[in-house]
Amino acid sequence: MENRRLVVAREDEQDDRMKTFIFKGEGHTLGNALRTLILKNPDVIFCGYTIPHPSENKLHLRIETKEMSAVDALREGLEQLQSLSDHVLETFETAVSDYKSKQMEV
């Protein structure tokens, strides 16, 4: 699998609408978050993930779509996850800042 963190299993698979992606160094946290977001896409027929074995530090994510390519569905899911993570971080940092400023007033 070389040193890449993401590879496509069986890249020679002809149908671009059905792909299995292998994420090296990832687990249930990323798998469940991506699966949840990708399944919200109405073009996605199936999205699921597995951790092949607890001693292997990798995640297999399978995506099957109606029209769009599985790569595009993955890209959209990753972009949505990044946006969601940025929003959560901003909200958290604002709340911490508000809390600290209120503590200084007391």
N, C-alpha and C. Protein backbone atom coordinates (compact mmCIF):
# COMPACT_ATOMS: atom_id res chain seq x y z
N MET A 1 0.83 -1.20 0.00
CA MET A 1 0.00 0.00 0.00
C MET A 1 0.87 1.25 0.00
N GLU A 2 2.13 1.10 -0.12
CA GLU A 2 3.07 2.22 -0.16
C GLU A 2 2.93 3.08 1.08
N ASN A 3 3.22 4.38 0.95
CA ASN A 3 3.12 5.30 2.08
C ASN A 3 1.90 6.19 1.99
N ARG A 4 1.03 5.95 1.03
CA ARG A 4 -0.18 6.78 0.90
C ARG A 4 -1.16 6.42 1.99
N ARG A 5 -1.88 7.42 2.49
CA ARG A 5 -2.87 7.19 3.54
C ARG A 5 -4.21 6.75 2.97
N LEU A 6 -4.43 6.96 1.68
CA LEU A 6 -5.69 6.56 1.05
C LEU A 6 -5.38 5.89 -0.28
N VAL A 7 -5.91 4.69 -0.45
CA VAL A 7 -5.77 3.99 -1.73
C VAL A 7 -7.14 3.42 -2.11
N VAL A 8 -7.29 3.10 -3.38
CA VAL A 8 -8.52 2.48 -3.86
C VAL A 8 -8.24 1.00 -4.05
N ALA A 9 -9.04 0.17 -3.41
CA ALA A 9 -8.90 -1.27 -3.58
C ALA A 9 -9.35 -1.64 -4.99
N ARG A 10 -8.63 -2.51 -5.62
CA ARG A 10 -8.96 -2.95 -6.98
C ARG A 10 -9.23 -1.75 -7.91
N GLU A 11 -8.21 -0.94 -8.09
CA GLU A 11 -8.37 0.25 -8.92
C GLU A 11 -8.76 -0.08 -10.36
N ASP A 12 -8.54 -1.31 -10.78
CA ASP A 12 -8.90 -1.70 -12.14
C ASP A 12 -10.40 -1.96 -12.29
N GLU A 13 -11.15 -1.89 -11.20
CA GLU A 13 -12.59 -2.08 -11.26
C GLU A 13 -13.18 -1.09 -12.27
N GLN A 14 -13.96 -1.57 -13.21
CA GLN A 14 -14.44 -0.76 -14.33
C GLN A 14 -15.49 0.27 -13.95
N ASP A 15 -16.35 -0.05 -13.03
CA ASP A 15 -17.47 0.83 -12.70
C ASP A 15 -17.03 1.87 -11.67
N ASP A 16 -17.00 3.14 -12.09
CA ASP A 16 -16.58 4.22 -11.21
C ASP A 16 -17.61 4.52 -10.12
N ARG A 17 -18.78 3.92 -10.24
CA ARG A 17 -19.83 4.17 -9.25
C ARG A 17 -19.73 3.23 -8.05
N MET A 18 -18.82 2.28 -8.10
CA MET A 18 -18.65 1.32 -7.00
C MET A 18 -17.17 1.20 -6.68
N LYS A 19 -16.78 1.68 -5.50
CA LYS A 19 -15.37 1.65 -5.12
C LYS A 19 -15.24 1.35 -3.63
N THR A 20 -14.13 0.71 -3.29
CA THR A 20 -13.75 0.52 -1.90
C THR A 20 -12.46 1.30 -1.68
N PHE A 21 -12.49 2.17 -0.70
CA PHE A 21 -11.34 3.01 -0.37
C PHE A 21 -10.72 2.48 0.92
N ILE A 22 -9.40 2.45 0.96
CA ILE A 22 -8.69 1.99 2.16
C ILE A 22 -7.94 3.17 2.76
N PHE A 23 -8.31 3.52 3.99
CA PHE A 23 -7.66 4.60 4.72
C PHE A 23 -6.68 3.99 5.71
N LYS A 24 -5.41 4.29 5.55
CA LYS A 24 -4.39 3.78 6.45
C LYS A 24 -4.31 4.67 7.69
N GLY A 25 -4.28 4.06 8.86
CA GLY A 25 -4.14 4.82 10.10
C GLY A 25 -5.44 5.43 10.60
N GLU A 26 -6.58 4.94 10.14
CA GLU A 26 -7.87 5.48 10.57
C GLU A 26 -8.73 4.37 11.15
N GLY A 27 -9.77 4.76 11.88
CA GLY A 27 -10.62 3.77 12.54
C GLY A 27 -12.08 4.17 12.52
N HIS A 28 -12.78 3.75 13.57
CA HIS A 28 -14.23 3.96 13.64
C HIS A 28 -14.64 5.43 13.66
N THR A 29 -13.84 6.28 14.24
CA THR A 29 -14.21 7.70 14.34
C THR A 29 -14.43 8.29 12.95
N LEU A 30 -13.46 8.14 12.08
CA LEU A 30 -13.60 8.65 10.72
C LEU A 30 -14.62 7.84 9.93
N GLY A 31 -14.59 6.53 10.09
CA GLY A 31 -15.49 5.67 9.33
C GLY A 31 -16.95 5.98 9.57
N ASN A 32 -17.35 6.10 10.81
CA ASN A 32 -18.75 6.36 11.12
C ASN A 32 -19.15 7.77 10.70
N ALA A 33 -18.28 8.75 10.92
CA ALA A 33 -18.61 10.13 10.52
C ALA A 33 -18.77 10.23 9.00
N LEU A 34 -17.84 9.66 8.25
CA LEU A 34 -17.94 9.71 6.78
C LEU A 34 -19.16 8.95 6.28
N ARG A 35 -19.39 7.77 6.81
CA ARG A 35 -20.54 6.97 6.38
C ARG A 35 -21.83 7.75 6.58
N THR A 36 -21.97 8.37 7.73
CA THR A 36 -23.18 9.13 8.05
C THR A 36 -23.39 10.28 7.07
N LEU A 37 -22.34 11.04 6.78
CA LEU A 37 -22.46 12.18 5.87
C LEU A 37 -22.67 11.74 4.42
N ILE A 38 -21.95 10.73 3.99
CA ILE A 38 -22.06 10.27 2.61
C ILE A 38 -23.46 9.70 2.33
N LEU A 39 -24.04 9.01 3.31
CA LEU A 39 -25.38 8.44 3.12
C LEU A 39 -26.47 9.50 2.98
N LYS A 40 -26.19 10.74 3.36
CA LYS A 40 -27.17 11.82 3.20
C LYS A 40 -27.28 12.26 1.74
N ASN A 41 -26.32 11.89 0.92
CA ASN A 41 -26.34 12.21 -0.51
C ASN A 41 -27.38 11.33 -1.19
N PRO A 42 -28.39 11.92 -1.84
CA PRO A 42 -29.45 11.11 -2.45
C PRO A 42 -28.97 10.21 -3.59
N ASP A 43 -27.79 10.48 -4.14
CA ASP A 43 -27.26 9.65 -5.22
C ASP A 43 -26.55 8.40 -4.70
N VAL A 44 -26.30 8.34 -3.41
CA VAL A 44 -25.59 7.21 -2.83
C VAL A 44 -26.57 6.09 -2.50
N ILE A 45 -26.30 4.91 -3.04
CA ILE A 45 -27.12 3.72 -2.81
C ILE A 45 -26.65 3.00 -1.54
N PHE A 46 -25.33 2.89 -1.38
CA PHE A 46 -24.75 2.17 -0.26
C PHE A 46 -23.46 2.84 0.18
N CYS A 47 -23.27 2.91 1.48
CA CYS A 47 -22.00 3.34 2.04
C CYS A 47 -21.84 2.63 3.37
N GLY A 48 -20.75 1.92 3.51
CA GLY A 48 -20.47 1.21 4.75
C GLY A 48 -18.98 1.09 4.94
N TYR A 49 -18.59 0.81 6.17
CA TYR A 49 -17.16 0.67 6.43
C TYR A 49 -16.90 -0.53 7.32
N THR A 50 -15.68 -1.03 7.25
CA THR A 50 -15.24 -2.10 8.13
C THR A 50 -13.81 -1.82 8.56
N ILE A 51 -13.49 -2.35 9.71
CA ILE A 51 -12.11 -2.41 10.17
C ILE A 51 -11.77 -3.90 10.01
N PRO A 52 -10.93 -4.26 9.04
CA PRO A 52 -10.73 -5.67 8.72
C PRO A 52 -10.30 -6.52 9.92
N HIS A 53 -9.42 -5.99 10.75
CA HIS A 53 -8.94 -6.72 11.91
C HIS A 53 -8.44 -5.72 12.93
N PRO A 54 -8.70 -5.94 14.21
CA PRO A 54 -8.27 -4.96 15.22
C PRO A 54 -6.77 -4.68 15.23
N SER A 55 -5.97 -5.64 14.79
CA SER A 55 -4.52 -5.41 14.79
C SER A 55 -4.05 -4.65 13.54
N GLU A 56 -4.93 -4.51 12.56
CA GLU A 56 -4.59 -3.74 11.36
C GLU A 56 -5.13 -2.32 11.54
N ASN A 57 -4.28 -1.36 11.34
CA ASN A 57 -4.67 0.04 11.55
C ASN A 57 -5.16 0.63 10.23
N LYS A 58 -6.28 0.08 9.72
CA LYS A 58 -6.83 0.61 8.48
C LYS A 58 -8.35 0.44 8.44
N LEU A 59 -8.96 1.25 7.60
CA LEU A 59 -10.40 1.32 7.46
C LEU A 59 -10.76 1.10 6.00
N HIS A 60 -11.72 0.23 5.73
CA HIS A 60 -12.23 0.02 4.37
C HIS A 60 -13.59 0.70 4.27
N LEU A 61 -13.73 1.62 3.32
CA LEU A 61 -14.99 2.34 3.12
C LEU A 61 -15.50 2.02 1.72
N ARG A 62 -16.69 1.44 1.64
CA ARG A 62 -17.30 1.06 0.36
C ARG A 62 -18.40 2.05 0.02
N ILE A 63 -18.37 2.57 -1.22
CA ILE A 63 -19.40 3.50 -1.69
C ILE A 63 -19.94 3.00 -3.03
N GLU A 64 -21.27 2.99 -3.14
CA GLU A 64 -21.94 2.65 -4.40
C GLU A 64 -22.96 3.75 -4.68
N THR A 65 -22.96 4.26 -5.90
CA THR A 65 -23.84 5.38 -6.25
C THR A 65 -24.69 5.04 -7.48
N LYS A 66 -25.69 5.90 -7.73
CA LYS A 66 -26.55 5.74 -8.91
C LYS A 66 -25.87 6.32 -10.14
N GLU A 67 -25.49 7.59 -10.07
CA GLU A 67 -24.95 8.30 -11.25
C GLU A 67 -23.53 8.82 -11.04
N MET A 68 -23.31 9.54 -9.95
CA MET A 68 -22.01 10.18 -9.74
C MET A 68 -20.95 9.13 -9.43
N SER A 69 -19.69 9.49 -9.58
CA SER A 69 -18.63 8.54 -9.28
C SER A 69 -18.48 8.41 -7.76
N ALA A 70 -18.01 7.26 -7.33
CA ALA A 70 -17.79 7.03 -5.91
C ALA A 70 -16.72 7.98 -5.37
N VAL A 71 -15.75 8.32 -6.20
CA VAL A 71 -14.70 9.26 -5.79
C VAL A 71 -15.32 10.63 -5.49
N ASP A 72 -16.24 11.08 -6.33
CA ASP A 72 -16.91 12.36 -6.09
C ASP A 72 -17.75 12.32 -4.83
N ALA A 73 -18.41 11.20 -4.57
CA ALA A 73 -19.21 11.06 -3.35
C ALA A 73 -18.30 11.12 -2.12
N LEU A 74 -17.13 10.47 -2.21
CA LEU A 74 -16.17 10.53 -1.11
C LEU A 74 -15.66 11.95 -0.91
N ARG A 75 -15.33 12.61 -2.01
CA ARG A 75 -14.83 13.99 -1.93
C ARG A 75 -15.86 14.90 -1.25
N GLU A 76 -17.11 14.78 -1.66
CA GLU A 76 -18.18 15.59 -1.04
C GLU A 76 -18.29 15.30 0.45
N GLY A 77 -18.24 14.02 0.81
CA GLY A 77 -18.32 13.64 2.22
C GLY A 77 -17.17 14.20 3.03
N LEU A 78 -15.97 14.14 2.46
CA LEU A 78 -14.80 14.69 3.16
C LEU A 78 -14.90 16.21 3.31
N GLU A 79 -15.39 16.89 2.28
CA GLU A 79 -15.56 18.34 2.35
C GLU A 79 -16.61 18.71 3.40
N GLN A 80 -17.70 17.95 3.45
CA GLN A 80 -18.74 18.21 4.45
C GLN A 80 -18.21 17.96 5.86
N LEU A 81 -17.41 16.92 6.03
CA LEU A 81 -16.84 16.62 7.33
C LEU A 81 -15.88 17.72 7.76
N GLN A 82 -15.09 18.22 6.82
CA GLN A 82 -14.18 19.33 7.13
C GLN A 82 -14.96 20.56 7.56
N SER A 83 -16.02 20.89 6.83
CA SER A 83 -16.85 22.04 7.15
C SER A 83 -17.51 21.88 8.52
N LEU A 84 -18.03 20.70 8.78
CA LEU A 84 -18.66 20.43 10.07
C LEU A 84 -17.65 20.54 11.20
N SER A 85 -16.46 19.99 11.01
CA SER A 85 -15.41 20.05 12.02
C SER A 85 -14.98 21.49 12.29
N ASP A 86 -14.86 22.28 11.22
CA ASP A 86 -14.51 23.70 11.38
C ASP A 86 -15.57 24.43 12.19
N HIS A 87 -16.84 24.15 11.91
CA HIS A 87 -17.94 24.80 12.64
C HIS A 87 -17.91 24.42 14.13
N VAL A 88 -17.71 23.14 14.41
CA VAL A 88 -17.65 22.68 15.80
C VAL A 88 -16.49 23.34 16.53
N LEU A 89 -15.34 23.42 15.87
CA LEU A 89 -14.17 24.05 16.49
C LEU A 89 -14.43 25.53 16.77
N GLU A 90 -14.99 26.25 15.81
CA GLU A 90 -15.31 27.67 16.00
C GLU A 90 -16.29 27.86 17.16
N THR A 91 -17.32 27.04 17.19
CA THR A 91 -18.33 27.13 18.25
C THR A 91 -17.71 26.86 19.62
N PHE A 92 -16.86 25.86 19.68
CA PHE A 92 -16.19 25.52 20.93
C PHE A 92 -15.27 26.64 21.39
N GLU A 93 -14.46 27.16 20.48
CA GLU A 93 -13.53 28.23 20.84
C GLU A 93 -14.27 29.48 21.30
N THR A 94 -15.39 29.80 20.66
CA THR A 94 -16.21 30.95 21.07
C THR A 94 -16.77 30.73 22.47
N ALA A 95 -17.27 29.53 22.73
CA ALA A 95 -17.83 29.22 24.05
C ALA A 95 -16.75 29.30 25.14
N VAL A 96 -15.57 28.81 24.86
CA VAL A 96 -14.48 28.87 25.83
C VAL A 96 -14.09 30.33 26.09
N SER A 97 -13.99 31.10 25.03
CA SER A 97 -13.66 32.51 25.17
C SER A 97 -14.71 33.27 25.99
N ASP A 98 -15.99 33.01 25.71
CA ASP A 98 -17.08 33.63 26.46
C ASP A 98 -17.02 33.24 27.93
N TYR A 99 -16.76 31.96 28.18
CA TYR A 99 -16.68 31.47 29.56
C TYR A 99 -15.53 32.16 30.30
N LYS A 100 -14.37 32.25 29.66
CA LYS A 100 -13.21 32.87 30.30
C LYS A 100 -13.45 34.34 30.59
N SER A 101 -14.09 35.04 29.65
CA SER A 101 -14.33 36.47 29.87
C SER A 101 -15.34 36.68 31.01
N LYS A 102 -16.31 35.78 31.14
CA LYS A 102 -17.26 35.88 32.25
C LYS A 102 -16.60 35.56 33.57
N GLN A 103 -15.64 34.66 33.57
CA GLN A 103 -14.92 34.32 34.79
C GLN A 103 -14.05 35.49 35.27
N MET A 104 -13.55 36.27 34.33
CA MET A 104 -12.72 37.44 34.67
C MET A 104 -13.57 38.53 35.30
N GLU A 105 -14.85 38.57 34.95
CA GLU A 105 -15.75 39.60 35.49
C GLU A 105 -16.14 39.29 36.94
N VAL A 106 -16.11 38.02 37.29
CA VAL A 106 -16.56 37.63 38.63
C VAL A 106 -15.58 37.98 39.69
